[in-house]
Amino acid sequence: MSELLPWVFVITAVIAIVGGLFSLWLSLSLALSDEPPDETRLRLTSDARLALLTEKEALLQEIRDVAFEHDAGKLSDRDYEELNAKLRAQARHVLHRLDEGAAEFREEAEALISRRLGEEK
């Protein structure tokens, strides 16, 4: 058993070194490449989309709040029109950005649907 113990340490050290070098290689390849890997790109895309969806919901709530305050008589017609126009313009911008991000998914979905419909016939 005492003769086996040094080999266990050698094998463990070799595995640790190989694992460290592999991690270093992955880090460098990600840092030096122009295109992030698919998983990273998906995470970035979903994070950006989630931020836009959150912003959209906040803007819609603000539009409802402004309408409520106008109906309650707390905002004049002029102030309501200005705020409403500003918030709706921001919401339109966010919706356009969401649509731009969904274009590639829309094309992929349409291809899947047409394939599926072709199989059913």
N, C-alpha and C. Protein backbone atom coordinates (compact mmCIF):
# COMPACT_ATOMS: atom_id res chain seq x y z
N MET A 1 0.82 -1.20 0.00
CA MET A 1 0.00 0.00 0.00
C MET A 1 0.86 1.26 0.00
N SER A 2 1.98 1.22 0.72
CA SER A 2 2.85 2.39 0.77
C SER A 2 3.49 2.68 -0.59
N GLU A 3 3.65 1.66 -1.44
CA GLU A 3 4.19 1.87 -2.78
C GLU A 3 3.15 2.50 -3.72
N LEU A 4 1.87 2.31 -3.43
CA LEU A 4 0.78 2.82 -4.27
C LEU A 4 0.46 4.28 -3.97
N LEU A 5 0.71 4.72 -2.74
CA LEU A 5 0.36 6.07 -2.32
C LEU A 5 1.04 7.16 -3.14
N PRO A 6 2.34 7.09 -3.47
CA PRO A 6 2.93 8.14 -4.31
C PRO A 6 2.28 8.22 -5.70
N TRP A 7 1.90 7.07 -6.27
CA TRP A 7 1.26 7.09 -7.59
C TRP A 7 -0.13 7.75 -7.55
N VAL A 8 -0.82 7.59 -6.45
CA VAL A 8 -2.12 8.25 -6.30
C VAL A 8 -1.92 9.76 -6.33
N PHE A 9 -0.90 10.25 -5.64
CA PHE A 9 -0.62 11.69 -5.64
C PHE A 9 -0.17 12.18 -7.02
N VAL A 10 0.61 11.38 -7.73
CA VAL A 10 1.07 11.76 -9.06
C VAL A 10 -0.11 11.84 -10.02
N ILE A 11 -0.98 10.85 -9.98
CA ILE A 11 -2.14 10.84 -10.87
C ILE A 11 -3.08 12.01 -10.54
N THR A 12 -3.30 12.29 -9.27
CA THR A 12 -4.13 13.42 -8.86
C THR A 12 -3.53 14.73 -9.34
N ALA A 13 -2.22 14.89 -9.22
CA ALA A 13 -1.55 16.11 -9.66
C ALA A 13 -1.66 16.27 -11.18
N VAL A 14 -1.51 15.19 -11.93
CA VAL A 14 -1.61 15.26 -13.39
C VAL A 14 -3.02 15.65 -13.79
N ILE A 15 -4.03 15.08 -13.16
CA ILE A 15 -5.42 15.43 -13.47
C ILE A 15 -5.68 16.90 -13.16
N ALA A 16 -5.16 17.38 -12.03
CA ALA A 16 -5.35 18.79 -11.67
C ALA A 16 -4.66 19.72 -12.67
N ILE A 17 -3.47 19.36 -13.11
CA ILE A 17 -2.75 20.19 -14.09
C ILE A 17 -3.48 20.21 -15.43
N VAL A 18 -3.92 19.05 -15.89
CA VAL A 18 -4.65 18.98 -17.16
C VAL A 18 -5.95 19.78 -17.07
N GLY A 19 -6.67 19.65 -15.96
CA GLY A 19 -7.90 20.42 -15.77
C GLY A 19 -7.64 21.91 -15.76
N GLY A 20 -6.57 22.33 -15.10
CA GLY A 20 -6.22 23.75 -15.07
C GLY A 20 -5.85 24.28 -16.44
N LEU A 21 -5.06 23.52 -17.19
CA LEU A 21 -4.68 23.94 -18.54
C LEU A 21 -5.90 24.00 -19.46
N PHE A 22 -6.81 23.04 -19.33
CA PHE A 22 -8.01 23.06 -20.15
C PHE A 22 -8.87 24.29 -19.83
N SER A 23 -9.02 24.62 -18.55
CA SER A 23 -9.77 25.81 -18.16
C SER A 23 -9.12 27.08 -18.69
N LEU A 24 -7.80 27.13 -18.61
CA LEU A 24 -7.07 28.29 -19.14
C LEU A 24 -7.27 28.40 -20.65
N TRP A 25 -7.21 27.28 -21.37
CA TRP A 25 -7.42 27.29 -22.81
C TRP A 25 -8.83 27.78 -23.17
N LEU A 26 -9.85 27.30 -22.44
CA LEU A 26 -11.22 27.75 -22.70
C LEU A 26 -11.37 29.25 -22.44
N SER A 27 -10.79 29.73 -21.36
CA SER A 27 -10.87 31.16 -21.04
C SER A 27 -10.21 32.00 -22.11
N LEU A 28 -9.02 31.60 -22.53
CA LEU A 28 -8.31 32.36 -23.56
C LEU A 28 -9.03 32.31 -24.91
N SER A 29 -9.57 31.16 -25.26
CA SER A 29 -10.28 31.07 -26.55
C SER A 29 -11.53 31.93 -26.53
N LEU A 30 -12.22 32.01 -25.40
CA LEU A 30 -13.40 32.87 -25.30
C LEU A 30 -13.00 34.34 -25.33
N ALA A 31 -11.91 34.68 -24.67
CA ALA A 31 -11.48 36.08 -24.61
C ALA A 31 -10.95 36.57 -25.95
N LEU A 32 -10.32 35.71 -26.72
CA LEU A 32 -9.70 36.13 -27.97
C LEU A 32 -10.60 35.95 -29.19
N SER A 33 -11.72 35.27 -29.03
CA SER A 33 -12.59 35.06 -30.19
C SER A 33 -13.55 36.22 -30.36
N ASP A 34 -13.95 36.46 -31.60
CA ASP A 34 -14.91 37.52 -31.89
C ASP A 34 -16.33 37.07 -31.57
N GLU A 35 -16.60 35.82 -31.75
CA GLU A 35 -17.95 35.29 -31.60
C GLU A 35 -18.03 34.48 -30.30
N PRO A 36 -18.95 34.85 -29.38
CA PRO A 36 -19.08 34.05 -28.17
C PRO A 36 -19.71 32.69 -28.48
N PRO A 37 -19.46 31.70 -27.65
CA PRO A 37 -20.08 30.39 -27.88
C PRO A 37 -21.60 30.49 -27.84
N ASP A 38 -22.24 29.47 -28.38
CA ASP A 38 -23.70 29.48 -28.48
C ASP A 38 -24.38 29.67 -27.13
N GLU A 39 -23.91 28.99 -26.10
CA GLU A 39 -24.54 29.11 -24.78
C GLU A 39 -24.40 30.54 -24.24
N THR A 40 -23.23 31.13 -24.41
CA THR A 40 -23.01 32.50 -23.94
C THR A 40 -23.88 33.46 -24.73
N ARG A 41 -23.96 33.28 -26.04
CA ARG A 41 -24.79 34.15 -26.87
C ARG A 41 -26.25 34.04 -26.47
N LEU A 42 -26.73 32.81 -26.20
CA LEU A 42 -28.11 32.63 -25.78
C LEU A 42 -28.37 33.31 -24.45
N ARG A 43 -27.41 33.19 -23.52
CA ARG A 43 -27.59 33.83 -22.22
C ARG A 43 -27.64 35.35 -22.37
N LEU A 44 -26.73 35.91 -23.19
CA LEU A 44 -26.73 37.35 -23.40
C LEU A 44 -28.02 37.80 -24.07
N THR A 45 -28.47 37.03 -25.04
CA THR A 45 -29.70 37.37 -25.74
C THR A 45 -30.88 37.33 -24.78
N SER A 46 -30.95 36.30 -23.97
CA SER A 46 -32.09 36.19 -23.07
C SER A 46 -32.03 37.26 -21.99
N ASP A 47 -30.83 37.63 -21.52
CA ASP A 47 -30.71 38.69 -20.52
C ASP A 47 -31.16 40.03 -21.10
N ALA A 48 -30.75 40.33 -22.32
CA ALA A 48 -31.14 41.58 -22.95
C ALA A 48 -32.63 41.61 -23.21
N ARG A 49 -33.18 40.49 -23.65
CA ARG A 49 -34.62 40.41 -23.90
C ARG A 49 -35.39 40.56 -22.61
N LEU A 50 -34.92 39.94 -21.53
CA LEU A 50 -35.58 40.06 -20.24
C LEU A 50 -35.59 41.51 -19.77
N ALA A 51 -34.49 42.22 -19.98
CA ALA A 51 -34.42 43.64 -19.61
C ALA A 51 -35.43 44.46 -20.41
N LEU A 52 -35.55 44.17 -21.71
CA LEU A 52 -36.51 44.89 -22.54
C LEU A 52 -37.95 44.58 -22.12
N LEU A 53 -38.23 43.32 -21.79
CA LEU A 53 -39.58 42.97 -21.34
C LEU A 53 -39.92 43.65 -20.02
N THR A 54 -38.94 43.74 -19.13
CA THR A 54 -39.15 44.42 -17.86
C THR A 54 -39.40 45.91 -18.09
N GLU A 55 -38.63 46.50 -19.00
CA GLU A 55 -38.82 47.91 -19.32
C GLU A 55 -40.20 48.15 -19.94
N LYS A 56 -40.63 47.23 -20.80
CA LYS A 56 -41.95 47.35 -21.44
C LYS A 56 -43.06 47.32 -20.39
N GLU A 57 -42.98 46.39 -19.46
CA GLU A 57 -44.01 46.30 -18.41
C GLU A 57 -44.02 47.56 -17.54
N ALA A 58 -42.85 48.09 -17.24
CA ALA A 58 -42.77 49.31 -16.43
C ALA A 58 -43.41 50.49 -17.18
N LEU A 59 -43.14 50.58 -18.48
CA LEU A 59 -43.72 51.67 -19.27
C LEU A 59 -45.24 51.54 -19.36
N LEU A 60 -45.73 50.33 -19.55
CA LEU A 60 -47.18 50.13 -19.60
C LEU A 60 -47.83 50.50 -18.28
N GLN A 61 -47.18 50.17 -17.18
CA GLN A 61 -47.72 50.55 -15.87
C GLN A 61 -47.72 52.07 -15.70
N GLU A 62 -46.67 52.72 -16.16
CA GLU A 62 -46.61 54.19 -16.08
C GLU A 62 -47.72 54.82 -16.91
N ILE A 63 -47.99 54.26 -18.09
CA ILE A 63 -49.08 54.79 -18.93
C ILE A 63 -50.41 54.65 -18.19
N ARG A 64 -50.62 53.50 -17.56
CA ARG A 64 -51.87 53.32 -16.79
C ARG A 64 -51.94 54.28 -15.61
N ASP A 65 -50.81 54.49 -14.94
CA ASP A 65 -50.79 55.40 -13.79
C ASP A 65 -51.09 56.84 -14.21
N VAL A 66 -50.53 57.26 -15.33
CA VAL A 66 -50.77 58.62 -15.82
C VAL A 66 -52.23 58.79 -16.19
N ALA A 67 -52.81 57.77 -16.82
CA ALA A 67 -54.24 57.84 -17.17
C ALA A 67 -55.10 57.91 -15.92
N PHE A 68 -54.74 57.14 -14.90
CA PHE A 68 -55.50 57.16 -13.65
C PHE A 68 -55.42 58.53 -12.99
N GLU A 69 -54.21 59.10 -12.94
CA GLU A 69 -54.06 60.42 -12.32
C GLU A 69 -54.80 61.49 -13.11
N HIS A 70 -54.85 61.36 -14.42
CA HIS A 70 -55.61 62.31 -15.23
C HIS A 70 -57.11 62.17 -14.94
N ASP A 71 -57.58 60.93 -14.88
CA ASP A 71 -59.00 60.69 -14.59
C ASP A 71 -59.38 61.16 -13.19
N ALA A 72 -58.40 61.09 -12.26
CA ALA A 72 -58.67 61.54 -10.89
C ALA A 72 -58.58 63.05 -10.76
N GLY A 73 -58.16 63.74 -11.83
CA GLY A 73 -58.09 65.20 -11.79
C GLY A 73 -56.77 65.73 -11.26
N LYS A 74 -55.78 64.89 -11.10
CA LYS A 74 -54.48 65.32 -10.58
C LYS A 74 -53.58 65.87 -11.68
N LEU A 75 -53.88 65.54 -12.93
CA LEU A 75 -53.09 66.03 -14.06
C LEU A 75 -54.00 66.81 -15.01
N SER A 76 -53.46 67.92 -15.49
CA SER A 76 -54.22 68.69 -16.48
C SER A 76 -54.20 67.95 -17.82
N ASP A 77 -55.09 68.36 -18.71
CA ASP A 77 -55.15 67.73 -20.03
C ASP A 77 -53.84 67.88 -20.78
N ARG A 78 -53.25 69.06 -20.67
CA ARG A 78 -51.99 69.33 -21.37
C ARG A 78 -50.87 68.44 -20.84
N ASP A 79 -50.73 68.36 -19.52
CA ASP A 79 -49.69 67.52 -18.92
C ASP A 79 -49.91 66.05 -19.26
N TYR A 80 -51.17 65.64 -19.23
CA TYR A 80 -51.49 64.24 -19.56
C TYR A 80 -51.08 63.92 -21.00
N GLU A 81 -51.42 64.80 -21.92
CA GLU A 81 -51.09 64.57 -23.33
C GLU A 81 -49.57 64.48 -23.53
N GLU A 82 -48.83 65.37 -22.88
CA GLU A 82 -47.36 65.36 -23.01
C GLU A 82 -46.77 64.07 -22.44
N LEU A 83 -47.18 63.73 -21.21
CA LEU A 83 -46.64 62.52 -20.57
C LEU A 83 -47.04 61.26 -21.34
N ASN A 84 -48.29 61.21 -21.76
CA ASN A 84 -48.78 60.05 -22.47
C ASN A 84 -48.03 59.87 -23.79
N ALA A 85 -47.83 60.95 -24.52
CA ALA A 85 -47.10 60.86 -25.80
C ALA A 85 -45.66 60.42 -25.57
N LYS A 86 -45.02 60.96 -24.55
CA LYS A 86 -43.63 60.60 -24.25
C LYS A 86 -43.52 59.12 -23.88
N LEU A 87 -44.40 58.65 -22.99
CA LEU A 87 -44.35 57.25 -22.55
C LEU A 87 -44.67 56.30 -23.69
N ARG A 88 -45.63 56.66 -24.53
CA ARG A 88 -45.99 55.79 -25.65
C ARG A 88 -44.85 55.73 -26.68
N ALA A 89 -44.14 56.82 -26.87
CA ALA A 89 -42.99 56.82 -27.79
C ALA A 89 -41.90 55.89 -27.25
N GLN A 90 -41.66 55.95 -25.95
CA GLN A 90 -40.67 55.06 -25.34
C GLN A 90 -41.11 53.61 -25.47
N ALA A 91 -42.39 53.35 -25.25
CA ALA A 91 -42.90 51.98 -25.36
C ALA A 91 -42.78 51.47 -26.80
N ARG A 92 -43.07 52.32 -27.78
CA ARG A 92 -42.91 51.92 -29.18
C ARG A 92 -41.47 51.55 -29.49
N HIS A 93 -40.53 52.34 -28.96
CA HIS A 93 -39.11 52.07 -29.17
C HIS A 93 -38.74 50.70 -28.58
N VAL A 94 -39.20 50.43 -27.37
CA VAL A 94 -38.90 49.14 -26.73
C VAL A 94 -39.52 48.00 -27.53
N LEU A 95 -40.76 48.18 -28.00
CA LEU A 95 -41.41 47.13 -28.78
C LEU A 95 -40.69 46.87 -30.09
N HIS A 96 -40.19 47.90 -30.73
CA HIS A 96 -39.42 47.72 -31.96
C HIS A 96 -38.13 46.95 -31.69
N ARG A 97 -37.48 47.26 -30.57
CA ARG A 97 -36.26 46.54 -30.21
C ARG A 97 -36.56 45.07 -29.91
N LEU A 98 -37.70 44.81 -29.28
CA LEU A 98 -38.09 43.42 -29.02
C LEU A 98 -38.38 42.69 -30.33
N ASP A 99 -39.02 43.38 -31.28
CA ASP A 99 -39.31 42.76 -32.57
C ASP A 99 -38.02 42.46 -33.34
N GLU A 100 -37.05 43.37 -33.27
CA GLU A 100 -35.77 43.14 -33.95
C GLU A 100 -35.09 41.89 -33.42
N GLY A 101 -35.13 41.71 -32.11
CA GLY A 101 -34.49 40.54 -31.51
C GLY A 101 -35.21 39.24 -31.80
N ALA A 102 -36.49 39.33 -32.15
CA ALA A 102 -37.27 38.12 -32.39
C ALA A 102 -37.25 37.67 -33.85
N ALA A 103 -36.63 38.44 -34.74
CA ALA A 103 -36.66 38.13 -36.17
C ALA A 103 -36.05 36.77 -36.46
N GLU A 104 -34.89 36.48 -35.89
CA GLU A 104 -34.24 35.21 -36.18
C GLU A 104 -35.05 34.05 -35.61
N PHE A 105 -35.70 34.26 -34.46
CA PHE A 105 -36.52 33.21 -33.88
C PHE A 105 -37.80 33.02 -34.69
N ARG A 106 -38.32 34.11 -35.25
CA ARG A 106 -39.53 34.03 -36.07
C ARG A 106 -39.26 33.20 -37.32
N GLU A 107 -38.13 33.44 -37.97
CA GLU A 107 -37.78 32.68 -39.17
C GLU A 107 -37.61 31.19 -38.84
N GLU A 108 -36.97 30.92 -37.73
CA GLU A 108 -36.78 29.53 -37.32
C GLU A 108 -38.12 28.87 -37.00
N ALA A 109 -39.01 29.61 -36.32
CA ALA A 109 -40.33 29.07 -35.98
C ALA A 109 -41.16 28.82 -37.24
N GLU A 110 -41.10 29.75 -38.20
CA GLU A 110 -41.85 29.56 -39.44
C GLU A 110 -41.33 28.35 -40.21
N ALA A 111 -40.04 28.12 -40.20
CA ALA A 111 -39.48 26.95 -40.87
C ALA A 111 -39.95 25.67 -40.19
N LEU A 112 -39.96 25.66 -38.86
CA LEU A 112 -40.43 24.49 -38.13
C LEU A 112 -41.91 24.23 -38.40
N ILE A 113 -42.71 25.30 -38.44
CA ILE A 113 -44.14 25.15 -38.70
C ILE A 113 -44.39 24.61 -40.10
N SER A 114 -43.69 25.17 -41.09
CA SER A 114 -43.90 24.71 -42.46
C SER A 114 -43.44 23.25 -42.61
N ARG A 115 -42.36 22.87 -41.94
CA ARG A 115 -41.92 21.47 -41.96
C ARG A 115 -42.97 20.56 -41.33
N ARG A 116 -43.51 21.02 -40.19
CA ARG A 116 -44.51 20.24 -39.47
C ARG A 116 -45.80 20.09 -40.30
N LEU A 117 -46.22 21.18 -40.95
CA LEU A 117 -47.41 21.13 -41.78
C LEU A 117 -47.17 20.24 -42.99
N GLY A 118 -45.96 20.23 -43.51
CA GLY A 118 -45.62 19.36 -44.64
C GLY A 118 -45.67 17.89 -44.26
N GLU A 119 -45.31 17.57 -43.01
CA GLU A 119 -45.34 16.19 -42.54
C GLU A 119 -46.76 15.69 -42.34
N GLU A 120 -47.67 16.58 -41.96
CA GLU A 120 -49.05 16.17 -41.67
C GLU A 120 -49.84 15.87 -42.92
N LYS A 121 -49.43 16.40 -44.07
CA LYS A 121 -50.20 16.20 -45.32
C LYS A 121 -50.02 14.84 -45.87
